[in-house]
Amino acid sequence: MFIYITYDTEGFITAYQNTEAEGFTKVFLLDSWIAQFAQHSDKFRYDTDKKVVLNPGNLPELSLDDLNTKYSDVLKTSQQAVNSATTLAQQQTVSATSINQLQKSITALALSQSAKETK
């Protein structure tokens, strides 16, 4: 798989993305390295002489339990964000309804006062 990277003076990868951009170098990343690279990209180096990405080879393995825990944490955070957004939307709906009722009341009062003054 081809990706685009930036790297520091020692060759350590500082950023990566899937699309071409100015300042990024196109490199090939082995499919078997993708999971490790996604988690530890700053540990990989770019060899500027050979024009290849180097795997440090001593990266920690991620167990399925660790992965499941991380996924559960992300899911909880996501659910909290959805709940907060829902609460905010409900509060905005109540506020809009209250403002609308207030505008109707003010309009009715103004019309009533105007009618009294014209009599």
C-alpha atoms as a PDB file:
ATOM      1  CA  MET A   1       0.000   0.000   0.000  1.00  0.00           C
ATOM      2  CA  PHE A   2       1.308   3.449  -0.835  1.00  0.00           C
ATOM      3  CA  ILE A   3       1.127   6.233   1.746  1.00  0.00           C
ATOM      4  CA  TYR A   4       2.621   9.701   2.034  1.00  0.00           C
ATOM      5  CA  ILE A   5       4.913  10.579   4.936  1.00  0.00           C
ATOM      6  CA  THR A   6       6.962  13.339   6.453  1.00  0.00           C
ATOM      7  CA  TYR A   7      10.040  12.538   8.501  1.00  0.00           C
ATOM      8  CA  ASP A   8      12.568  14.279  10.723  1.00  0.00           C
ATOM      9  CA  THR A   9      16.328  14.655  10.212  1.00  0.00           C
ATOM     10  CA  GLU A  10      16.940  11.177  11.666  1.00  0.00           C
ATOM     11  CA  GLY A  11      14.361   9.607   9.350  1.00  0.00           C
ATOM     12  CA  PHE A  12      11.684   8.991  11.982  1.00  0.00           C
ATOM     13  CA  ILE A  13       8.215   9.391  10.539  1.00  0.00           C
ATOM     14  CA  THR A  14       6.443  12.479  11.890  1.00  0.00           C
ATOM     15  CA  ALA A  15       3.175  12.362   9.933  1.00  0.00           C
ATOM     16  CA  TYR A  16       1.398  10.248   7.353  1.00  0.00           C
ATOM     17  CA  GLN A  17      -1.699  10.366   5.199  1.00  0.00           C
ATOM     18  CA  ASN A  18      -3.357   8.542   2.315  1.00  0.00           C
ATOM     19  CA  THR A  19      -3.397  11.412  -0.145  1.00  0.00           C
ATOM     20  CA  GLU A  20      -0.586  13.181  -1.930  1.00  0.00           C
ATOM     21  CA  ALA A  21       0.346  16.593  -0.548  1.00  0.00           C
ATOM     22  CA  GLU A  22       3.190  19.068  -0.744  1.00  0.00           C
ATOM     23  CA  GLY A  23       6.022  18.180   1.604  1.00  0.00           C
ATOM     24  CA  PHE A  24       5.009  14.511   1.848  1.00  0.00           C
ATOM     25  CA  THR A  25       7.037  11.650   0.364  1.00  0.00           C
ATOM     26  CA  LYS A  26       5.312   8.715  -1.343  1.00  0.00           C
ATOM     27  CA  VAL A  27       6.431   5.383   0.145  1.00  0.00           C
ATOM     28  CA  PHE A  28       5.355   1.751  -0.003  1.00  0.00           C
ATOM     29  CA  LEU A  29       4.220   0.154   3.257  1.00  0.00           C
ATOM     30  CA  LEU A  30       3.915  -3.620   3.503  1.00  0.00           C
ATOM     31  CA  ASP A  31       0.356  -4.765   4.173  1.00  0.00           C
ATOM     32  CA  SER A  32       1.585  -6.864   7.100  1.00  0.00           C
ATOM     33  CA  TRP A  33       2.915  -3.677   8.764  1.00  0.00           C
ATOM     34  CA  ILE A  34      -0.260  -1.598   8.506  1.00  0.00           C
ATOM     35  CA  ALA A  35      -1.650  -2.380  11.975  1.00  0.00           C
ATOM     36  CA  GLN A  36       1.710  -1.763  13.667  1.00  0.00           C
ATOM     37  CA  PHE A  37       2.334   1.369  11.615  1.00  0.00           C
ATOM     38  CA  ALA A  38      -1.074   2.825  12.469  1.00  0.00           C
ATOM     39  CA  GLN A  39      -0.357   2.407  16.157  1.00  0.00           C
ATOM     40  CA  HIS A  40       3.381   3.215  16.262  1.00  0.00           C
ATOM     41  CA  SER A  41       4.131   5.298  13.164  1.00  0.00           C
ATOM     42  CA  ASP A  42       6.636   7.451  15.072  1.00  0.00           C
ATOM     43  CA  LYS A  43       8.798   4.359  15.682  1.00  0.00           C
ATOM     44  CA  PHE A  44       9.217   3.638  11.960  1.00  0.00           C
ATOM     45  CA  ARG A  45      12.036   5.259  10.013  1.00  0.00           C
ATOM     46  CA  TYR A  46      12.489   6.262   6.409  1.00  0.00           C
ATOM     47  CA  ASP A  47      15.840   5.318   4.878  1.00  0.00           C
ATOM     48  CA  THR A  48      16.563   8.187   2.502  1.00  0.00           C
ATOM     49  CA  ASP A  49      19.362   6.263   0.744  1.00  0.00           C
ATOM     50  CA  LYS A  50      17.338   3.126   0.010  1.00  0.00           C
ATOM     51  CA  LYS A  51      14.018   5.039  -0.209  1.00  0.00           C
ATOM     52  CA  VAL A  52      12.206   2.520   2.018  1.00  0.00           C
ATOM     53  CA  VAL A  53      10.345   2.514   5.316  1.00  0.00           C
ATOM     54  CA  LEU A  54      12.136   0.552   8.043  1.00  0.00           C
ATOM     55  CA  ASN A  55      10.208  -1.398  10.665  1.00  0.00           C
ATOM     56  CA  PRO A  56      11.953  -1.244  14.053  1.00  0.00           C
ATOM     57  CA  GLY A  57      11.053  -4.903  14.600  1.00  0.00           C
ATOM     58  CA  ASN A  58      10.623  -4.595  18.353  1.00  0.00           C
ATOM     59  CA  LEU A  59       7.158  -3.108  18.617  1.00  0.00           C
ATOM     60  CA  PRO A  60       4.815  -4.327  21.354  1.00  0.00           C
ATOM     61  CA  GLU A  61       2.109  -6.701  20.260  1.00  0.00           C
ATOM     62  CA  LEU A  62      -1.458  -5.605  20.822  1.00  0.00           C
ATOM     63  CA  SER A  63      -3.556  -8.354  22.365  1.00  0.00           C
ATOM     64  CA  LEU A  64      -7.197  -8.839  21.461  1.00  0.00           C
ATOM     65  CA  ASP A  65      -8.121  -7.917  25.037  1.00  0.00           C
ATOM     66  CA  ASP A  66      -6.206  -4.633  24.725  1.00  0.00           C
ATOM     67  CA  LEU A  67      -7.834  -3.942  21.385  1.00  0.00           C
ATOM     68  CA  ASN A  68     -11.280  -4.737  22.795  1.00  0.00           C
ATOM     69  CA  THR A  69     -10.672  -2.417  25.764  1.00  0.00           C
ATOM     70  CA  LYS A  70      -9.570   0.413  23.466  1.00  0.00           C
ATOM     71  CA  TYR A  71     -12.597  -0.159  21.235  1.00  0.00           C
ATOM     72  CA  SER A  72     -14.929  -0.146  24.264  1.00  0.00           C
ATOM     73  CA  ASP A  73     -13.401   3.110  25.497  1.00  0.00           C
ATOM     74  CA  VAL A  74     -13.867   4.749  22.095  1.00  0.00           C
ATOM     75  CA  LEU A  75     -17.442   3.455  21.945  1.00  0.00           C
ATOM     76  CA  LYS A  76     -18.214   4.871  25.416  1.00  0.00           C
ATOM     77  CA  THR A  77     -16.738   8.247  24.494  1.00  0.00           C
ATOM     78  CA  SER A  78     -18.703   8.255  21.254  1.00  0.00           C
ATOM     79  CA  GLN A  79     -21.935   7.418  23.086  1.00  0.00           C
ATOM     80  CA  GLN A  80     -21.292  10.230  25.581  1.00  0.00           C
ATOM     81  CA  ALA A  81     -20.807  12.647  22.692  1.00  0.00           C
ATOM     82  CA  VAL A  82     -24.057  11.492  21.064  1.00  0.00           C
ATOM     83  CA  ASN A  83     -25.920  11.862  24.364  1.00  0.00           C
ATOM     84  CA  SER A  84     -24.513  15.371  24.875  1.00  0.00           C
ATOM     85  CA  ALA A  85     -25.445  16.385  21.333  1.00  0.00           C
ATOM     86  CA  THR A  86     -28.964  14.998  21.817  1.00  0.00           C
ATOM     87  CA  THR A  87     -29.403  16.892  25.091  1.00  0.00           C
ATOM     88  CA  LEU A  88     -28.147  20.084  23.476  1.00  0.00           C
ATOM     89  CA  ALA A  89     -30.545  19.669  20.539  1.00  0.00           C
ATOM     90  CA  GLN A  90     -33.462  19.095  22.916  1.00  0.00           C
ATOM     91  CA  GLN A  91     -32.548  22.212  24.908  1.00  0.00           C
ATOM     92  CA  GLN A  92     -32.315  24.259  21.721  1.00  0.00           C
ATOM     93  CA  THR A  93     -35.751  23.030  20.649  1.00  0.00           C
ATOM     94  CA  VAL A  94     -37.249  24.026  24.005  1.00  0.00           C
ATOM     95  CA  SER A  95     -35.516  27.415  23.799  1.00  0.00           C
ATOM     96  CA  ALA A  96     -36.767  28.008  20.260  1.00  0.00           C
ATOM     97  CA  THR A  97     -40.314  27.115  21.303  1.00  0.00           C
ATOM     98  CA  SER A  98     -40.115  29.479  24.286  1.00  0.00           C
ATOM     99  CA  ILE A  99     -38.742  32.296  22.119  1.00  0.00           C
ATOM    100  CA  ASN A 100     -41.505  31.726  19.566  1.00  0.00           C
ATOM    101  CA  GLN A 101     -44.169  31.863  22.297  1.00  0.00           C
ATOM    102  CA  LEU A 102     -42.601  35.015  23.727  1.00  0.00           C
ATOM    103  CA  GLN A 103     -42.602  36.672  20.285  1.00  0.00           C
ATOM    104  CA  LYS A 104     -46.294  35.784  19.822  1.00  0.00           C
ATOM    105  CA  SER A 105     -47.134  37.201  23.242  1.00  0.00           C
ATOM    106  CA  ILE A 106     -45.248  40.443  22.549  1.00  0.00           C
ATOM    107  CA  THR A 107     -46.932  40.764  19.155  1.00  0.00           C
ATOM    108  CA  ALA A 108     -50.365  40.173  20.692  1.00  0.00           C
ATOM    109  CA  LEU A 109     -49.647  42.718  23.427  1.00  0.00           C
ATOM    110  CA  ALA A 110     -48.423  45.278  20.900  1.00  0.00           C
ATOM    111  CA  LEU A 111     -51.519  44.736  18.733  1.00  0.00           C
ATOM    112  CA  SER A 112     -53.719  45.071  21.811  1.00  0.00           C
ATOM    113  CA  GLN A 113     -52.011  48.305  22.876  1.00  0.00           C
ATOM    114  CA  SER A 114     -52.217  49.633  19.319  1.00  0.00           C
ATOM    115  CA  ALA A 115     -55.935  48.850  19.159  1.00  0.00           C
ATOM    116  CA  LYS A 116     -56.550  50.653  22.466  1.00  0.00           C
ATOM    117  CA  GLU A 117     -54.665  53.737  21.294  1.00  0.00           C
ATOM    118  CA  THR A 118     -56.637  53.998  18.051  1.00  0.00           C
ATOM    119  CA  LYS A 119     -59.976  54.004  19.878  1.00  0.00           C
END
